[in-house]
Amino acid sequence: MTDFEKVCGFKSLHTAFKKSRRGKRGKDSVAKFEANLLEALHLLHVMLTGKTYRMSPYLTFEVYEPKRRTVMSAAFKDKIVHHSICDNVLEERLSKSFILDNYATQRGKGTHFGLDRLEGFMRQYYRLHGMDGWVLKCDISKYFYSIRHDVLKEQLRKFVTDTDTLWLIDLIIDSTESPGIPIGNQTSQWFAVLYLSGLDHFIKEKLGIKYYGRYMDDFFLIHEDREYLQKCRGEIEKRVSELGLSLNNKTNLFPLRNGIDFLGFHTYLTETGKVIRKIRRKSKNNARRRLKRMKGLLVKGGLSFKKVQSSYQSWRGHAQHGNTYHLVRDMDAYFTKLFKECEEKCPKS
């Protein structure tokens, strides 16, 4: 069975439908698709195999957490296709080529995996060098909006050879103008992880940086020699420039003893070699603002208390991956005070 047959198969599309539906069953577009499910999936299969499939226009909106971004949301039928191609082709073809310390999107990795790797790096570095070290922290300027279609397609062709699958991949990539890929697409997550994969290998294998990790466009290098990290920065700037990218003003070189802001936490070493992980102040403030906004929606009936609780428990679970006992205790008190009146009066479901 070819990759394209896997993507277009009825079983694959049905599985992709169930994954795309999660958390969205209340939406009209999902309900409409599900009401005629067999017919809708068959039509999608026919359009794909006959190559008459075209993506519908995106729904564009702004999000402001953790920073202001323009998100382009695909139509529900297109989300199904994206899920199918990610699950049946991209994950299998691409993930084997990634270094261990490329943390985003992949099964078994993610933010907490990346944080644990950083903690392990710091412990190991301290045993060898103590507190004397340097960090090059890099961030790409407008990453998703700067990805060049021609470069991305060339990279993908190293791993995907089936011409029909490449037709579909190109169709998805070219659904927006170059440069740039939509933040909201599941395929974009895999494309973004791949786009800097060559840089990962260059930093680890050519520059010889042992303590390195990346989550999308946010990455760090730890080394004992400040001058060598300055040289590394120059090499990295050359490499990303070839991809149509540039480092932004958050990129900085600083002493290891200052600690590293990564994945929402500030991770640092003590003089005794203990690694401490604290939620960043910005993340704390964002969490409080988000709760206030949710209370406003709750009072207006635009949100259920159950969803508010679920959102808060998700943040709470994330926060507990750090040394945050007092923070979580204070946030619990803040949550209780903020929603005390709403808990009984507001809708539960």
Protein backbone atom coordinates (compact mmCIF):
# COMPACT_ATOMS: atom_id res chain seq x y z
CA MET A 1 0.00 0.00 0.00
CA THR A 2 1.38 3.40 -0.98
CA ASP A 3 1.54 6.37 1.39
CA PHE A 4 -1.25 8.04 -0.57
CA GLU A 5 -3.50 4.99 -0.27
CA LYS A 6 -2.91 5.02 3.50
CA VAL A 7 -3.93 8.68 3.69
CA CYS A 8 -7.04 8.29 1.50
CA GLY A 9 -8.24 4.96 2.89
CA PHE A 10 -11.68 5.03 4.51
CA LYS A 11 -10.36 3.58 7.78
CA SER A 12 -7.64 6.26 7.95
CA LEU A 13 -10.10 9.05 7.22
CA HIS A 14 -12.54 7.73 9.83
CA THR A 15 -9.79 7.58 12.46
CA ALA A 16 -8.70 11.09 11.49
CA PHE A 17 -12.31 12.26 11.77
CA LYS A 18 -12.55 10.96 15.35
CA LYS A 19 -9.31 12.71 16.31
CA SER A 20 -10.36 15.97 14.61
CA ARG A 21 -13.71 15.85 16.42
CA ARG A 22 -12.21 15.79 19.93
CA GLY A 23 -13.28 18.82 21.92
CA LYS A 24 -15.27 20.22 18.98
CA ARG A 25 -18.52 18.24 18.97
CA GLY A 26 -20.52 21.36 19.85
CA LYS A 27 -19.48 23.17 16.67
CA ASP A 28 -21.98 23.38 13.80
CA SER A 29 -19.43 22.36 11.15
CA VAL A 30 -18.58 19.19 13.09
CA ALA A 31 -22.22 18.32 13.78
CA LYS A 32 -23.09 18.82 10.11
CA PHE A 33 -20.25 16.57 8.95
CA GLU A 34 -21.12 13.88 11.52
CA ALA A 35 -24.81 13.91 10.61
CA ASN A 36 -23.90 12.49 7.18
CA LEU A 37 -20.65 10.83 8.22
CA LEU A 38 -20.40 7.89 5.82
CA GLU A 39 -21.44 10.01 2.86
CA ALA A 40 -19.07 12.84 3.82
CA LEU A 41 -16.08 10.53 4.29
CA HIS A 42 -16.80 8.74 1.02
CA LEU A 43 -16.95 12.09 -0.81
CA LEU A 44 -13.64 13.11 0.77
CA HIS A 45 -12.10 9.80 -0.33
CA VAL A 46 -13.37 10.28 -3.89
CA MET A 47 -12.06 13.86 -4.07
CA LEU A 48 -8.63 12.82 -2.80
CA THR A 49 -8.20 9.79 -5.04
CA GLY A 50 -9.52 11.72 -8.05
CA LYS A 51 -7.29 14.70 -7.15
CA THR A 52 -10.26 17.06 -7.23
CA TYR A 53 -9.78 17.84 -3.52
CA ARG A 54 -9.19 21.51 -2.74
CA MET A 55 -8.86 23.21 0.63
CA SER A 56 -11.64 25.55 1.76
CA PRO A 57 -10.85 29.16 2.76
CA TYR A 58 -9.29 29.63 6.19
CA LEU A 59 -10.99 31.24 9.17
CA THR A 60 -8.53 33.88 10.40
CA PHE A 61 -8.46 35.30 13.94
CA GLU A 62 -6.07 36.79 16.50
CA VAL A 63 -4.83 35.15 19.71
CA TYR A 64 -3.01 37.05 22.44
CA GLU A 65 -1.54 34.29 24.64
CA PRO A 66 1.36 33.80 25.08
CA LYS A 67 1.81 36.58 22.49
CA ARG A 68 -0.23 38.18 19.73
CA ARG A 69 -0.43 35.93 16.67
CA THR A 70 -2.63 35.51 13.62
CA VAL A 71 -4.09 32.01 13.51
CA MET A 72 -5.57 30.51 10.35
CA SER A 73 -8.02 27.72 11.12
CA ALA A 74 -8.82 25.19 8.39
CA ALA A 75 -12.30 23.90 7.60
CA PHE A 76 -13.29 20.71 9.41
CA LYS A 77 -12.98 18.49 6.31
CA ASP A 78 -9.45 19.82 5.82
CA LYS A 79 -8.52 19.11 9.44
CA ILE A 80 -9.45 15.47 8.77
CA VAL A 81 -7.11 15.33 5.77
CA HIS A 82 -4.33 17.00 7.79
CA HIS A 83 -4.73 14.47 10.59
CA SER A 84 -4.61 11.57 8.16
CA ILE A 85 -1.46 12.74 6.39
CA CYS A 86 0.28 13.51 9.69
CA ASP A 87 -0.62 10.19 11.32
CA ASN A 88 -0.01 7.99 8.27
CA VAL A 89 2.97 9.68 6.57
CA LEU A 90 4.65 12.64 8.23
CA GLU A 91 5.11 11.19 11.71
CA GLU A 92 6.60 7.94 10.41
CA ARG A 93 8.75 9.50 7.69
CA LEU A 94 10.10 12.51 9.58
CA SER A 95 10.48 11.59 13.24
CA LYS A 96 13.28 9.06 12.66
CA SER A 97 15.49 11.82 11.24
CA PHE A 98 15.16 14.14 14.26
CA ILE A 99 17.72 14.39 17.05
CA LEU A 100 16.58 13.42 20.54
CA ASP A 101 16.69 17.04 21.69
CA ASN A 102 14.13 18.28 19.16
CA TYR A 103 11.15 18.34 21.51
CA ALA A 104 8.03 19.65 19.76
CA THR A 105 5.03 17.74 18.30
CA GLN A 106 6.48 14.21 18.51
CA ARG A 107 4.88 11.42 20.49
CA GLY A 108 6.62 10.83 23.83
CA LYS A 109 8.23 14.28 23.84
CA GLY A 110 6.84 17.77 24.49
CA THR A 111 7.44 20.58 26.98
CA HIS A 112 7.99 18.45 30.09
CA PHE A 113 10.38 16.13 28.24
CA GLY A 114 12.35 19.20 27.10
CA LEU A 115 12.44 20.64 30.62
CA ASP A 116 13.69 17.35 32.04
CA ARG A 117 16.42 17.19 29.38
CA LEU A 118 17.52 20.73 30.25
CA GLU A 119 17.65 19.80 33.94
CA GLY A 120 19.76 16.75 33.11
CA PHE A 121 22.12 18.88 31.00
CA MET A 122 22.58 21.33 33.87
CA ARG A 123 23.33 18.59 36.39
CA GLN A 124 25.85 16.95 34.08
CA TYR A 125 27.48 20.27 33.21
CA TYR A 126 27.84 21.20 36.89
CA ARG A 127 29.58 17.90 37.67
CA LEU A 128 32.13 18.61 34.93
CA HIS A 129 32.57 22.39 35.09
CA GLY A 130 30.76 23.80 38.11
CA MET A 131 28.91 27.10 37.69
CA ASP A 132 31.36 28.55 35.16
CA GLY A 133 29.67 28.35 31.80
CA TRP A 134 27.78 30.26 29.14
CA VAL A 135 24.43 30.00 27.40
CA LEU A 136 23.52 31.06 23.88
CA LYS A 137 19.74 31.37 23.84
CA CYS A 138 18.24 31.78 20.36
CA ASP A 139 14.81 32.61 19.01
CA ILE A 140 13.69 32.95 15.39
CA SER A 141 11.89 36.10 14.27
CA LYS A 142 8.31 35.39 13.09
CA TYR A 143 9.13 31.73 12.50
CA PHE A 144 5.92 30.30 11.01
CA TYR A 145 5.38 33.42 8.91
CA SER A 146 8.90 33.19 7.42
CA ILE A 147 9.06 29.56 6.29
CA ARG A 148 9.74 29.44 2.55
CA HIS A 149 7.59 27.02 0.56
CA ASP A 150 10.32 26.08 -1.92
CA VAL A 151 12.81 25.21 0.84
CA LEU A 152 10.20 23.25 2.81
CA LYS A 153 9.17 21.24 -0.25
CA GLU A 154 12.78 20.40 -1.01
CA GLN A 155 13.31 19.20 2.56
CA LEU A 156 10.17 17.05 2.49
CA ARG A 157 11.23 15.34 -0.73
CA LYS A 158 14.18 13.80 1.12
CA PHE A 159 11.72 11.77 3.19
CA VAL A 160 8.54 11.45 1.11
CA THR A 161 8.89 10.03 -2.40
CA ASP A 162 5.33 9.02 -3.33
CA THR A 163 4.27 11.51 -6.05
CA ASP A 164 0.57 11.44 -5.14
CA THR A 165 1.35 12.18 -1.49
CA LEU A 166 3.65 15.00 -2.54
CA TRP A 167 0.80 16.43 -4.65
CA LEU A 168 -1.34 16.61 -1.50
CA ILE A 169 1.48 17.99 0.65
CA ASP A 170 2.21 20.71 -1.92
CA LEU A 171 -1.50 21.57 -2.06
CA ILE A 172 -1.55 22.10 1.71
CA ILE A 173 1.69 24.11 1.73
CA ASP A 174 0.51 26.35 -1.12
CA SER A 175 -2.87 27.01 0.51
CA THR A 176 -1.23 30.25 1.71
CA GLU A 177 1.28 32.51 0.01
CA SER A 178 5.02 32.03 0.46
CA PRO A 179 6.71 32.69 2.79
CA GLY A 180 4.66 31.45 5.70
CA ILE A 181 2.57 28.48 6.82
CA PRO A 182 -0.64 28.64 8.93
CA ILE A 183 -0.05 28.26 12.67
CA GLY A 184 -3.41 26.47 13.09
CA ASN A 185 -2.71 23.50 10.77
CA GLN A 186 -1.55 20.22 12.31
CA THR A 187 0.66 19.71 9.25
CA SER A 188 2.34 23.05 9.99
CA GLN A 189 3.55 21.70 13.33
CA TRP A 190 5.42 18.88 11.59
CA PHE A 191 6.69 21.21 8.87
CA ALA A 192 8.04 23.62 11.50
CA VAL A 193 9.77 20.83 13.43
CA LEU A 194 11.40 19.63 10.20
CA TYR A 195 12.42 23.06 8.88
CA LEU A 196 15.22 23.53 11.45
CA SER A 197 16.13 19.85 11.77
CA GLY A 198 19.21 20.32 9.60
CA LEU A 199 20.34 23.08 11.98
CA ASP A 200 19.91 20.68 14.91
CA HIS A 201 22.28 18.19 13.30
CA PHE A 202 24.74 20.95 12.39
CA ILE A 203 24.88 22.26 15.97
CA LYS A 204 25.23 18.83 17.57
CA GLU A 205 27.48 17.14 15.00
CA LYS A 206 29.51 19.90 13.34
CA LEU A 207 29.74 22.49 16.11
CA GLY A 208 30.00 19.74 18.73
CA ILE A 209 27.55 21.27 21.22
CA LYS A 210 26.63 18.51 23.65
CA TYR A 211 24.14 20.52 25.70
CA TYR A 212 21.60 21.67 23.13
CA GLY A 213 17.82 21.55 22.89
CA ARG A 214 15.11 23.02 20.67
CA TYR A 215 11.35 23.46 20.89
CA MET A 216 10.14 24.82 17.52
CA ASP A 217 12.04 28.10 17.06
CA ASP A 218 13.29 28.42 20.65
CA PHE A 219 16.66 26.78 21.36
CA PHE A 220 19.66 26.92 23.70
CA LEU A 221 23.36 26.00 23.61
CA ILE A 222 25.41 25.53 26.80
CA HIS A 223 29.24 25.59 26.64
CA GLU A 224 32.19 26.49 28.84
CA ASP A 225 33.78 28.85 26.27
CA ARG A 226 32.09 32.22 25.66
CA GLU A 227 34.14 32.97 22.55
CA TYR A 228 33.22 29.63 21.01
CA LEU A 229 29.51 30.34 21.54
CA GLN A 230 29.99 33.71 19.82
CA LYS A 231 31.45 31.83 16.86
CA CYS A 232 28.50 29.41 17.00
CA ARG A 233 26.10 32.34 16.85
CA GLY A 234 27.72 33.54 13.63
CA GLU A 235 27.45 30.06 12.10
CA ILE A 236 23.81 29.75 13.17
CA GLU A 237 22.97 33.15 11.67
CA LYS A 238 24.43 32.00 8.34
CA ARG A 239 22.44 28.76 8.41
CA VAL A 240 19.09 30.31 9.28
CA SER A 241 19.64 33.06 6.69
CA GLU A 242 19.91 30.35 4.02
CA LEU A 243 16.44 29.20 5.12
CA GLY A 244 15.00 32.72 4.81
CA LEU A 245 15.00 33.19 8.59
CA SER A 246 16.70 35.50 11.09
CA LEU A 247 17.38 35.51 14.83
CA ASN A 248 15.27 38.02 16.77
CA ASN A 249 16.25 40.43 19.53
CA LYS A 250 15.57 37.83 22.23
CA THR A 251 18.71 36.02 21.13
CA ASN A 252 21.35 36.52 23.79
CA LEU A 253 24.64 35.21 25.23
CA PHE A 254 24.84 35.19 29.04
CA PRO A 255 26.41 33.36 32.03
CA LEU A 256 24.94 29.98 32.94
CA ARG A 257 24.56 31.13 36.56
CA ASN A 258 21.79 33.49 35.35
CA GLY A 259 19.60 30.50 34.53
CA ILE A 260 17.66 29.77 31.33
CA ASP A 261 14.11 30.82 30.38
CA PHE A 262 12.73 27.87 28.41
CA LEU A 263 9.24 26.45 27.90
CA GLY A 264 7.55 28.76 30.40
CA PHE A 265 9.97 28.08 33.26
CA HIS A 266 13.14 29.72 34.56
CA THR A 267 15.60 26.89 35.25
CA TYR A 268 18.77 27.65 37.19
CA LEU A 269 21.62 26.10 39.19
CA THR A 270 22.41 26.81 42.83
CA GLU A 271 25.98 26.98 44.15
CA THR A 272 25.60 23.40 45.43
CA GLY A 273 24.56 22.09 42.01
CA LYS A 274 20.85 21.77 42.71
CA VAL A 275 18.59 22.55 39.73
CA ILE A 276 15.59 24.79 40.49
CA ARG A 277 12.68 25.26 38.10
CA LYS A 278 10.33 28.19 38.64
CA ILE A 279 7.36 29.42 36.61
CA ARG A 280 8.32 32.65 34.84
CA ARG A 281 6.69 35.84 36.15
CA LYS A 282 5.18 36.49 32.72
CA SER A 283 3.54 33.05 32.78
CA LYS A 284 2.08 33.71 36.25
CA ASN A 285 0.61 37.04 35.12
CA ASN A 286 -0.77 35.47 31.93
CA ALA A 287 -2.48 32.76 33.99
CA ARG A 288 -4.17 35.35 36.23
CA ARG A 289 -5.33 37.42 33.24
CA ARG A 290 -6.69 34.29 31.56
CA LEU A 291 -8.72 33.42 34.66
CA LYS A 292 -10.17 36.94 34.77
CA ARG A 293 -11.18 36.71 31.10
CA MET A 294 -12.78 33.31 31.68
CA LYS A 295 -14.77 34.72 34.59
CA GLY A 296 -16.13 37.41 32.28
CA LEU A 297 -17.19 34.78 29.74
CA LEU A 298 -18.64 32.64 32.51
CA VAL A 299 -20.84 35.45 33.83
CA LYS A 300 -22.11 36.15 30.30
CA GLY A 301 -22.92 32.47 29.76
CA GLY A 302 -20.30 32.02 27.06
CA LEU A 303 -18.35 29.44 29.05
CA SER A 304 -19.20 26.68 31.50
CA PHE A 305 -17.62 26.35 34.96
CA LYS A 306 -16.57 22.82 34.02
CA LYS A 307 -14.44 24.19 31.18
CA VAL A 308 -12.95 26.83 33.46
CA GLN A 309 -11.99 24.14 35.95
CA SER A 310 -10.49 21.99 33.19
CA SER A 311 -8.41 24.89 31.89
CA TYR A 312 -7.15 25.77 35.38
CA GLN A 313 -6.31 22.15 36.23
CA SER A 314 -4.31 21.94 33.00
CA TRP A 315 -2.26 25.00 34.00
CA ARG A 316 -1.93 23.66 37.54
CA GLY A 317 -0.61 20.33 36.30
CA HIS A 318 1.93 22.12 34.13
CA ALA A 319 3.05 24.37 37.02
CA GLN A 320 3.59 21.38 39.31
CA HIS A 321 6.43 20.22 37.07
CA GLY A 322 8.50 22.93 38.74
CA ASN A 323 9.43 23.98 42.27
CA THR A 324 6.12 25.76 42.65
CA TYR A 325 4.47 24.61 45.89
CA HIS A 326 3.82 28.15 47.18
CA LEU A 327 2.79 29.46 43.76
CA VAL A 328 0.21 26.70 43.25
CA ARG A 329 -1.12 27.23 46.78
CA ASP A 330 -1.54 30.97 46.13
CA MET A 331 -3.13 30.37 42.70
CA ASP A 332 -5.58 27.88 44.24
CA ALA A 333 -6.64 30.56 46.73
CA TYR A 334 -6.94 33.13 43.93
CA PHE A 335 -9.06 30.74 41.85
CA THR A 336 -11.38 29.96 44.77
CA LYS A 337 -11.84 33.65 45.59
CA LEU A 338 -12.39 34.63 41.94
CA PHE A 339 -14.99 31.95 41.20
CA LYS A 340 -16.62 31.56 44.62
CA GLU A 341 -19.89 33.20 43.54
CA CYS A 342 -19.91 31.54 40.12
CA GLU A 343 -19.37 27.97 41.25
CA GLU A 344 -23.02 27.39 42.15
CA LYS A 345 -24.75 29.93 39.88
CA CYS A 346 -22.98 29.42 36.55
CA PRO A 347 -23.66 26.62 34.03
CA LYS A 348 -21.80 23.38 34.80
CA SER A 349 -21.61 21.86 31.30
